[in-house]
Amino acid sequence: MSTEDLNKLFKKSADSVVYSWPGVVEADDLAQELWLWYLGSPAVQAKISESDYPLAARLTTMQAHRIASVKREANARFSSQIKYSAEDIKNALSGETLWSELIDDMTAGLDSLRIRNPDYAAAIEARYLGHEQPKAGADRTRLSRAVTALAEETNRVLRQKFDRAIPSEAVTYEEYSEGKAFRTLNDGPGSKRRVFPEAVNNSQNIFDSEFNGIPGIDMYRSWVQPEMYPRERPARIETWHENDREDCWSE
């Protein structure tokens, strides 16, 4: 596709998606985000170029929904509106969610649960890492309560996270490193838009060419863009690389 064709494709996808996400993102901003997604990944460029128009439109529309979803979730997190349910946690444990923030928060919650209630943590590990089905009614009840406890612990850890001070948008990296010029999420307009100063660069992308050839990289990329890797396994814990499993489940 030519640059003009791509621009029309991204604009059409953005226009169609913003109506599903009122107040979350503007169509022009979403189209720009699609350009960043496209230009930032040779794999995406190759997939779009080899696709016919209907498939390319479907791929970009799915990505536009994903971008809008992430923005809404980020807004909710920064305004402390989010609260994970036991069902959210169960879906994450089962590999039925690709929301990376939930996985990170749940991992922190599980670390805390191991300290506060090791029996519940052990029940979760046995079921979702060891694939041991609960045999008796009492075991099933204990597992259900363990998942609920993990949801509560994850929410508690998340609340503590947002109660802590965060760096101001205006501070330099040196000031951030030295702990200066901090403010909380409730310090007024603009303080909820960015957690780290602009000097901190977190733009590394799993689709960057430097990751090519790493064992299992296509599996990890499929968790972000599953439609581009239809032959890869779903994002379940048992499909993680052994080092990642050790990081998540180690004492």
C-alpha atoms as a PDB file:
ATOM      1  CA  MET A   1       0.000   0.000   0.000  1.00  0.00           C
ATOM      2  CA  SER A   2       1.099   3.554  -0.674  1.00  0.00           C
ATOM      3  CA  THR A   3       1.463   6.095   2.106  1.00  0.00           C
ATOM      4  CA  GLU A   4      -1.792   7.702   0.988  1.00  0.00           C
ATOM      5  CA  ASP A   5      -3.596   4.352   1.091  1.00  0.00           C
ATOM      6  CA  LEU A   6      -2.246   3.625   4.552  1.00  0.00           C
ATOM      7  CA  ASN A   7      -3.277   7.051   5.781  1.00  0.00           C
ATOM      8  CA  LYS A   8      -6.817   6.468   4.521  1.00  0.00           C
ATOM      9  CA  LEU A   9      -6.853   2.992   6.078  1.00  0.00           C
ATOM     10  CA  PHE A  10      -5.720   4.235   9.484  1.00  0.00           C
ATOM     11  CA  LYS A  11      -8.093   7.189   9.424  1.00  0.00           C
ATOM     12  CA  LYS A  12     -11.040   4.977   8.491  1.00  0.00           C
ATOM     13  CA  SER A  13     -10.204   2.506  11.264  1.00  0.00           C
ATOM     14  CA  ALA A  14      -9.792   5.307  13.783  1.00  0.00           C
ATOM     15  CA  ASP A  15     -13.069   6.954  12.766  1.00  0.00           C
ATOM     16  CA  SER A  16     -14.942   3.674  13.166  1.00  0.00           C
ATOM     17  CA  VAL A  17     -13.447   2.874  16.563  1.00  0.00           C
ATOM     18  CA  VAL A  18     -13.771   6.187  18.448  1.00  0.00           C
ATOM     19  CA  TYR A  19     -17.554   5.848  18.612  1.00  0.00           C
ATOM     20  CA  SER A  20     -17.096   2.733  20.739  1.00  0.00           C
ATOM     21  CA  TRP A  21     -14.835   4.621  23.167  1.00  0.00           C
ATOM     22  CA  PRO A  22     -16.496   8.006  23.852  1.00  0.00           C
ATOM     23  CA  GLY A  23     -14.268  10.450  25.676  1.00  0.00           C
ATOM     24  CA  VAL A  24     -11.261   8.122  25.597  1.00  0.00           C
ATOM     25  CA  VAL A  25      -9.384   9.138  22.462  1.00  0.00           C
ATOM     26  CA  GLU A  26      -9.832  11.426  19.452  1.00  0.00           C
ATOM     27  CA  ALA A  27      -9.880   9.992  15.920  1.00  0.00           C
ATOM     28  CA  ASP A  28      -6.837  12.003  14.773  1.00  0.00           C
ATOM     29  CA  ASP A  29      -4.813  10.886  17.794  1.00  0.00           C
ATOM     30  CA  LEU A  30      -5.838   7.293  17.244  1.00  0.00           C
ATOM     31  CA  ALA A  31      -4.797   7.437  13.590  1.00  0.00           C
ATOM     32  CA  GLN A  32      -1.392   8.756  14.683  1.00  0.00           C
ATOM     33  CA  GLU A  33      -1.101   5.901  17.169  1.00  0.00           C
ATOM     34  CA  LEU A  34      -1.769   3.461  14.326  1.00  0.00           C
ATOM     35  CA  TRP A  35       1.045   5.042  12.338  1.00  0.00           C
ATOM     36  CA  LEU A  36       3.391   4.601  15.300  1.00  0.00           C
ATOM     37  CA  TRP A  37       2.313   0.983  15.617  1.00  0.00           C
ATOM     38  CA  TYR A  38       2.911   0.414  11.914  1.00  0.00           C
ATOM     39  CA  LEU A  39       6.240   2.230  11.626  1.00  0.00           C
ATOM     40  CA  GLY A  40       7.589   0.742  14.822  1.00  0.00           C
ATOM     41  CA  SER A  41       7.323  -2.879  13.740  1.00  0.00           C
ATOM     42  CA  PRO A  42       8.724  -4.498  10.571  1.00  0.00           C
ATOM     43  CA  ALA A  43       6.537  -7.514  11.364  1.00  0.00           C
ATOM     44  CA  VAL A  44       3.402  -5.355  11.257  1.00  0.00           C
ATOM     45  CA  GLN A  45       4.547  -3.693   8.042  1.00  0.00           C
ATOM     46  CA  ALA A  46       5.086  -7.074   6.405  1.00  0.00           C
ATOM     47  CA  LYS A  47       1.715  -8.382   7.565  1.00  0.00           C
ATOM     48  CA  ILE A  48      -0.152  -5.335   6.293  1.00  0.00           C
ATOM     49  CA  SER A  49       1.672  -5.340   2.941  1.00  0.00           C
ATOM     50  CA  GLU A  50       0.855  -9.006   2.271  1.00  0.00           C
ATOM     51  CA  SER A  51      -2.804  -8.670   3.295  1.00  0.00           C
ATOM     52  CA  ASP A  52      -5.704  -7.736   1.074  1.00  0.00           C
ATOM     53  CA  TYR A  53      -7.665  -4.623   2.008  1.00  0.00           C
ATOM     54  CA  PRO A  54     -10.406  -6.331   4.086  1.00  0.00           C
ATOM     55  CA  LEU A  55      -7.835  -8.178   6.200  1.00  0.00           C
ATOM     56  CA  ALA A  56      -5.656  -5.073   6.574  1.00  0.00           C
ATOM     57  CA  ALA A  57      -8.722  -3.095   7.662  1.00  0.00           C
ATOM     58  CA  ARG A  58      -9.625  -5.777  10.198  1.00  0.00           C
ATOM     59  CA  LEU A  59      -6.089  -5.847  11.601  1.00  0.00           C
ATOM     60  CA  THR A  60      -5.854  -2.071  11.965  1.00  0.00           C
ATOM     61  CA  THR A  61      -9.338  -1.828  13.449  1.00  0.00           C
ATOM     62  CA  MET A  62      -8.481  -4.500  16.024  1.00  0.00           C
ATOM     63  CA  GLN A  63      -5.302  -2.624  16.891  1.00  0.00           C
ATOM     64  CA  ALA A  64      -7.235   0.642  17.184  1.00  0.00           C
ATOM     65  CA  HIS A  65      -9.611  -1.004  19.660  1.00  0.00           C
ATOM     66  CA  ARG A  66      -6.612  -2.333  21.560  1.00  0.00           C
ATOM     67  CA  ILE A  67      -5.019   1.121  21.736  1.00  0.00           C
ATOM     68  CA  ALA A  68      -8.278   2.683  22.940  1.00  0.00           C
ATOM     69  CA  SER A  69      -8.716  -0.066  25.512  1.00  0.00           C
ATOM     70  CA  VAL A  70      -5.217   0.495  26.896  1.00  0.00           C
ATOM     71  CA  LYS A  71      -5.858   4.239  27.123  1.00  0.00           C
ATOM     72  CA  ARG A  72      -9.118   3.701  28.982  1.00  0.00           C
ATOM     73  CA  GLU A  73      -7.488   1.241  31.367  1.00  0.00           C
ATOM     74  CA  ALA A  74      -4.594   3.639  31.967  1.00  0.00           C
ATOM     75  CA  ASN A  75      -7.023   6.459  32.715  1.00  0.00           C
ATOM     76  CA  ALA A  76      -8.902   4.248  35.148  1.00  0.00           C
ATOM     77  CA  ARG A  77      -5.714   3.160  36.875  1.00  0.00           C
ATOM     78  CA  PHE A  78      -4.418   6.698  37.280  1.00  0.00           C
ATOM     79  CA  SER A  79      -7.721   7.865  38.683  1.00  0.00           C
ATOM     80  CA  SER A  80      -7.768   4.906  41.107  1.00  0.00           C
ATOM     81  CA  GLN A  81     -11.079   3.717  39.670  1.00  0.00           C
ATOM     82  CA  ILE A  82      -9.983   0.223  38.793  1.00  0.00           C
ATOM     83  CA  LYS A  83     -10.730  -2.733  41.001  1.00  0.00           C
ATOM     84  CA  TYR A  84     -10.033  -6.284  39.926  1.00  0.00           C
ATOM     85  CA  SER A  85     -12.700  -8.909  40.486  1.00  0.00           C
ATOM     86  CA  ALA A  86     -12.088 -12.553  41.336  1.00  0.00           C
ATOM     87  CA  GLU A  87     -13.179 -13.340  37.782  1.00  0.00           C
ATOM     88  CA  ASP A  88     -10.520 -10.979  36.389  1.00  0.00           C
ATOM     89  CA  ILE A  89      -7.873 -12.786  38.440  1.00  0.00           C
ATOM     90  CA  LYS A  90      -9.164 -16.209  37.425  1.00  0.00           C
ATOM     91  CA  ASN A  91      -9.030 -15.234  33.749  1.00  0.00           C
ATOM     92  CA  ALA A  92      -5.466 -14.005  34.172  1.00  0.00           C
ATOM     93  CA  LEU A  93      -4.416 -17.217  35.910  1.00  0.00           C
ATOM     94  CA  SER A  94      -6.048 -19.237  33.139  1.00  0.00           C
ATOM     95  CA  GLY A  95      -4.304 -17.245  30.413  1.00  0.00           C
ATOM     96  CA  GLU A  96      -7.543 -15.783  29.071  1.00  0.00           C
ATOM     97  CA  THR A  97      -6.448 -12.156  29.317  1.00  0.00           C
ATOM     98  CA  LEU A  98      -3.627 -10.274  27.566  1.00  0.00           C
ATOM     99  CA  TRP A  99      -3.815  -7.216  29.813  1.00  0.00           C
ATOM    100  CA  SER A 100      -0.168  -6.886  30.828  1.00  0.00           C
ATOM    101  CA  GLU A 101      -0.921  -4.455  33.679  1.00  0.00           C
ATOM    102  CA  LEU A 102      -3.238  -7.018  35.271  1.00  0.00           C
ATOM    103  CA  ILE A 103      -0.560  -9.707  35.007  1.00  0.00           C
ATOM    104  CA  ASP A 104       1.990  -7.393  36.655  1.00  0.00           C
ATOM    105  CA  ASP A 105      -0.416  -6.369  39.411  1.00  0.00           C
ATOM    106  CA  MET A 106      -1.492  -9.969  40.024  1.00  0.00           C
ATOM    107  CA  THR A 107       2.135 -11.111  40.285  1.00  0.00           C
ATOM    108  CA  ALA A 108       2.752  -8.466  42.959  1.00  0.00           C
ATOM    109  CA  GLY A 109      -0.447  -9.544  44.700  1.00  0.00           C
ATOM    110  CA  LEU A 110       0.665 -13.176  44.657  1.00  0.00           C
ATOM    111  CA  ASP A 111       4.026 -12.238  46.198  1.00  0.00           C
ATOM    112  CA  SER A 112       2.145 -10.545  49.020  1.00  0.00           C
ATOM    113  CA  LEU A 113      -0.325 -13.432  49.380  1.00  0.00           C
ATOM    114  CA  ARG A 114       2.547 -15.875  49.887  1.00  0.00           C
ATOM    115  CA  ILE A 115       3.451 -13.924  53.012  1.00  0.00           C
ATOM    116  CA  ARG A 116      -0.054 -13.223  54.310  1.00  0.00           C
ATOM    117  CA  ASN A 117      -1.638 -16.579  53.447  1.00  0.00           C
ATOM    118  CA  PRO A 118       0.823 -19.184  52.136  1.00  0.00           C
ATOM    119  CA  ASP A 119      -1.853 -21.915  52.057  1.00  0.00           C
ATOM    120  CA  TYR A 120      -3.960 -19.934  49.587  1.00  0.00           C
ATOM    121  CA  ALA A 121      -0.880 -19.157  47.489  1.00  0.00           C
ATOM    122  CA  ALA A 122       0.006 -22.849  47.444  1.00  0.00           C
ATOM    123  CA  ALA A 123      -3.523 -23.765  46.315  1.00  0.00           C
ATOM    124  CA  ILE A 124      -3.302 -21.320  43.414  1.00  0.00           C
ATOM    125  CA  GLU A 125       0.126 -22.567  42.368  1.00  0.00           C
ATOM    126  CA  ALA A 126      -0.992 -26.196  42.511  1.00  0.00           C
ATOM    127  CA  ARG A 127      -4.006 -25.517  40.302  1.00  0.00           C
ATOM    128  CA  TYR A 128      -2.644 -23.072  37.755  1.00  0.00           C
ATOM    129  CA  LEU A 129       1.013 -24.052  37.597  1.00  0.00           C
ATOM    130  CA  GLY A 130       0.889 -27.707  38.592  1.00  0.00           C
ATOM    131  CA  HIS A 131      -2.445 -28.322  36.778  1.00  0.00           C
ATOM    132  CA  GLU A 132      -3.779 -30.229  39.776  1.00  0.00           C
ATOM    133  CA  GLN A 133      -7.562 -30.353  39.744  1.00  0.00           C
ATOM    134  CA  PRO A 134      -9.152 -30.021  43.210  1.00  0.00           C
ATOM    135  CA  LYS A 135     -10.466 -33.447  44.131  1.00  0.00           C
ATOM    136  CA  ALA A 136     -12.899 -32.784  46.959  1.00  0.00           C
ATOM    137  CA  GLY A 137     -15.514 -30.156  47.611  1.00  0.00           C
ATOM    138  CA  ALA A 138     -13.383 -28.699  50.377  1.00  0.00           C
ATOM    139  CA  ASP A 139     -10.447 -28.346  47.963  1.00  0.00           C
ATOM    140  CA  ARG A 140     -12.629 -26.543  45.429  1.00  0.00           C
ATOM    141  CA  THR A 141     -13.910 -24.218  48.115  1.00  0.00           C
ATOM    142  CA  ARG A 142     -10.373 -23.482  49.279  1.00  0.00           C
ATOM    143  CA  LEU A 143      -9.277 -22.717  45.705  1.00  0.00           C
ATOM    144  CA  SER A 144     -12.250 -20.396  45.162  1.00  0.00           C
ATOM    145  CA  ARG A 145     -11.454 -18.550  48.381  1.00  0.00           C
ATOM    146  CA  ALA A 146      -7.785 -18.412  47.397  1.00  0.00           C
ATOM    147  CA  VAL A 147      -8.627 -16.718  44.084  1.00  0.00           C
ATOM    148  CA  THR A 148     -10.865 -14.236  45.902  1.00  0.00           C
ATOM    149  CA  ALA A 149      -8.073 -13.585  48.413  1.00  0.00           C
ATOM    150  CA  LEU A 150      -5.629 -13.014  45.541  1.00  0.00           C
ATOM    151  CA  ALA A 151      -8.031 -10.478  43.996  1.00  0.00           C
ATOM    152  CA  GLU A 152      -8.286  -8.649  47.322  1.00  0.00           C
ATOM    153  CA  GLU A 153      -4.526  -8.744  47.804  1.00  0.00           C
ATOM    154  CA  THR A 154      -3.909  -7.497  44.264  1.00  0.00           C
ATOM    155  CA  ASN A 155      -6.279  -4.575  44.827  1.00  0.00           C
ATOM    156  CA  ARG A 156      -4.618  -3.820  48.173  1.00  0.00           C
ATOM    157  CA  VAL A 157      -1.166  -3.757  46.576  1.00  0.00           C
ATOM    158  CA  LEU A 158      -2.502  -1.556  43.766  1.00  0.00           C
ATOM    159  CA  ARG A 159      -4.014   0.931  46.225  1.00  0.00           C
ATOM    160  CA  GLN A 160      -0.710   1.132  48.058  1.00  0.00           C
ATOM    161  CA  LYS A 161       1.052   1.733  44.770  1.00  0.00           C
ATOM    162  CA  PHE A 162      -1.102   4.734  43.938  1.00  0.00           C
ATOM    163  CA  ASP A 163      -0.985   6.079  47.470  1.00  0.00           C
ATOM    164  CA  ARG A 164       2.769   6.502  47.118  1.00  0.00           C
ATOM    165  CA  ALA A 165       4.247   9.661  45.654  1.00  0.00           C
ATOM    166  CA  ILE A 166       5.029   9.789  41.955  1.00  0.00           C
ATOM    167  CA  PRO A 167       7.449  12.090  40.123  1.00  0.00           C
ATOM    168  CA  SER A 168       6.244  15.349  38.631  1.00  0.00           C
ATOM    169  CA  GLU A 169       6.177  15.702  34.845  1.00  0.00           C
ATOM    170  CA  ALA A 170       8.682  18.553  35.013  1.00  0.00           C
ATOM    171  CA  VAL A 171      11.504  16.896  36.956  1.00  0.00           C
ATOM    172  CA  THR A 172      14.761  15.892  35.316  1.00  0.00           C
ATOM    173  CA  TYR A 173      16.064  12.334  35.396  1.00  0.00           C
ATOM    174  CA  GLU A 174      18.651  13.376  37.992  1.00  0.00           C
ATOM    175  CA  GLU A 175      15.944  14.867  40.205  1.00  0.00           C
ATOM    176  CA  TYR A 176      13.861  11.727  39.779  1.00  0.00           C
ATOM    177  CA  SER A 177      16.829   9.503  40.712  1.00  0.00           C
ATOM    178  CA  GLU A 178      17.499  11.589  43.823  1.00  0.00           C
ATOM    179  CA  GLY A 179      13.855  11.498  44.902  1.00  0.00           C
ATOM    180  CA  LYS A 180      13.246  15.235  44.425  1.00  0.00           C
ATOM    181  CA  ALA A 181      10.163  17.104  43.165  1.00  0.00           C
ATOM    182  CA  PHE A 182       7.682  14.323  43.885  1.00  0.00           C
ATOM    183  CA  ARG A 183       3.946  14.759  44.123  1.00  0.00           C
ATOM    184  CA  THR A 184       0.947  12.481  44.534  1.00  0.00           C
ATOM    185  CA  LEU A 185      -1.785  11.550  42.074  1.00  0.00           C
ATOM    186  CA  ASN A 186      -4.113  14.055  43.769  1.00  0.00           C
ATOM    187  CA  ASP A 187      -1.884  17.094  43.372  1.00  0.00           C
ATOM    188  CA  GLY A 188      -3.929  18.772  40.676  1.00  0.00           C
ATOM    189  CA  PRO A 189      -4.367  18.963  36.895  1.00  0.00           C
ATOM    190  CA  GLY A 190      -1.868  17.054  34.830  1.00  0.00           C
ATOM    191  CA  SER A 191      -0.528  14.924  37.660  1.00  0.00           C
ATOM    192  CA  LYS A 192      -2.485  11.882  36.503  1.00  0.00           C
ATOM    193  CA  ARG A 193      -1.246  11.809  32.947  1.00  0.00           C
ATOM    194  CA  ARG A 194       2.273  10.502  33.388  1.00  0.00           C
ATOM    195  CA  VAL A 195       3.915   8.360  36.050  1.00  0.00           C
ATOM    196  CA  PHE A 196       7.531   8.908  34.965  1.00  0.00           C
ATOM    197  CA  PRO A 197       9.286  11.998  33.643  1.00  0.00           C
ATOM    198  CA  GLU A 198       9.888  12.308  29.932  1.00  0.00           C
ATOM    199  CA  ALA A 199      13.617  11.706  30.443  1.00  0.00           C
ATOM    200  CA  VAL A 200      12.890   8.060  31.269  1.00  0.00           C
ATOM    201  CA  ASN A 201      12.621   6.197  27.963  1.00  0.00           C
ATOM    202  CA  ASN A 202      10.491   3.042  28.093  1.00  0.00           C
ATOM    203  CA  SER A 203       9.877   2.802  24.338  1.00  0.00           C
ATOM    204  CA  GLN A 204      11.432  -0.633  23.809  1.00  0.00           C
ATOM    205  CA  ASN A 205       9.045  -2.861  21.886  1.00  0.00           C
ATOM    206  CA  ILE A 206       8.831  -6.647  21.744  1.00  0.00           C
ATOM    207  CA  PHE A 207       8.587  -6.349  17.955  1.00  0.00           C
ATOM    208  CA  ASP A 208      11.989  -4.621  17.747  1.00  0.00           C
ATOM    209  CA  SER A 209      14.412  -6.465  15.472  1.00  0.00           C
ATOM    210  CA  GLU A 210      16.917  -6.876  18.314  1.00  0.00           C
ATOM    211  CA  PHE A 211      14.624  -9.551  19.788  1.00  0.00           C
ATOM    212  CA  ASN A 212      14.511 -11.624  16.581  1.00  0.00           C
ATOM    213  CA  GLY A 213      15.849 -15.125  17.087  1.00  0.00           C
ATOM    214  CA  ILE A 214      15.191 -15.283  20.822  1.00  0.00           C
ATOM    215  CA  PRO A 215      13.609 -18.662  21.704  1.00  0.00           C
ATOM    216  CA  GLY A 216       9.859 -18.306  22.010  1.00  0.00           C
ATOM    217  CA  ILE A 217       9.751 -14.715  20.736  1.00  0.00           C
ATOM    218  CA  ASP A 218       6.911 -15.451  18.315  1.00  0.00           C
ATOM    219  CA  MET A 219       4.859 -16.838  21.193  1.00  0.00           C
ATOM    220  CA  TYR A 220       5.377 -13.674  23.237  1.00  0.00           C
ATOM    221  CA  ARG A 221       4.592 -11.495  20.213  1.00  0.00           C
ATOM    222  CA  SER A 222       1.409 -13.479  19.639  1.00  0.00           C
ATOM    223  CA  TRP A 223       0.175 -12.388  23.070  1.00  0.00           C
ATOM    224  CA  VAL A 224       0.245  -8.796  21.812  1.00  0.00           C
ATOM    225  CA  GLN A 225      -0.873  -9.459  18.233  1.00  0.00           C
ATOM    226  CA  PRO A 226      -2.544 -12.911  18.276  1.00  0.00           C
ATOM    227  CA  GLU A 227      -4.068 -12.467  14.826  1.00  0.00           C
ATOM    228  CA  MET A 228      -0.570 -12.231  13.335  1.00  0.00           C
ATOM    229  CA  TYR A 229       0.603 -15.515  14.860  1.00  0.00           C
ATOM    230  CA  PRO A 230      -2.364 -17.906  14.522  1.00  0.00           C
ATOM    231  CA  ARG A 231      -0.199 -21.012  15.004  1.00  0.00           C
ATOM    232  CA  GLU A 232       1.172 -19.947  18.365  1.00  0.00           C
ATOM    233  CA  ARG A 233      -0.188 -21.294  21.633  1.00  0.00           C
ATOM    234  CA  PRO A 234      -2.429 -19.128  23.845  1.00  0.00           C
ATOM    235  CA  ALA A 235      -0.960 -17.006  26.630  1.00  0.00           C
ATOM    236  CA  ARG A 236      -1.198 -19.553  29.416  1.00  0.00           C
ATOM    237  CA  ILE A 237       1.302 -19.872  32.227  1.00  0.00           C
ATOM    238  CA  GLU A 238       2.420 -23.309  31.078  1.00  0.00           C
ATOM    239  CA  THR A 239       3.562 -21.832  27.746  1.00  0.00           C
ATOM    240  CA  TRP A 240       5.841 -19.270  29.387  1.00  0.00           C
ATOM    241  CA  HIS A 241       9.589 -19.680  29.143  1.00  0.00           C
ATOM    242  CA  GLU A 242      10.902 -21.551  32.193  1.00  0.00           C
ATOM    243  CA  ASN A 243      12.832 -18.491  33.401  1.00  0.00           C
ATOM    244  CA  ASP A 244       9.660 -16.396  33.336  1.00  0.00           C
ATOM    245  CA  ARG A 245       7.779 -19.070  35.269  1.00  0.00           C
ATOM    246  CA  GLU A 246      10.521 -19.131  37.883  1.00  0.00           C
ATOM    247  CA  ASP A 247      10.367 -15.334  38.229  1.00  0.00           C
ATOM    248  CA  CYS A 248       6.594 -15.429  38.711  1.00  0.00           C
ATOM    249  CA  TRP A 249       6.330 -18.398  41.068  1.00  0.00           C
ATOM    250  CA  SER A 250       9.608 -18.422  42.973  1.00  0.00           C
ATOM    251  CA  GLU A 251       9.563 -17.913  46.717  1.00  0.00           C
END
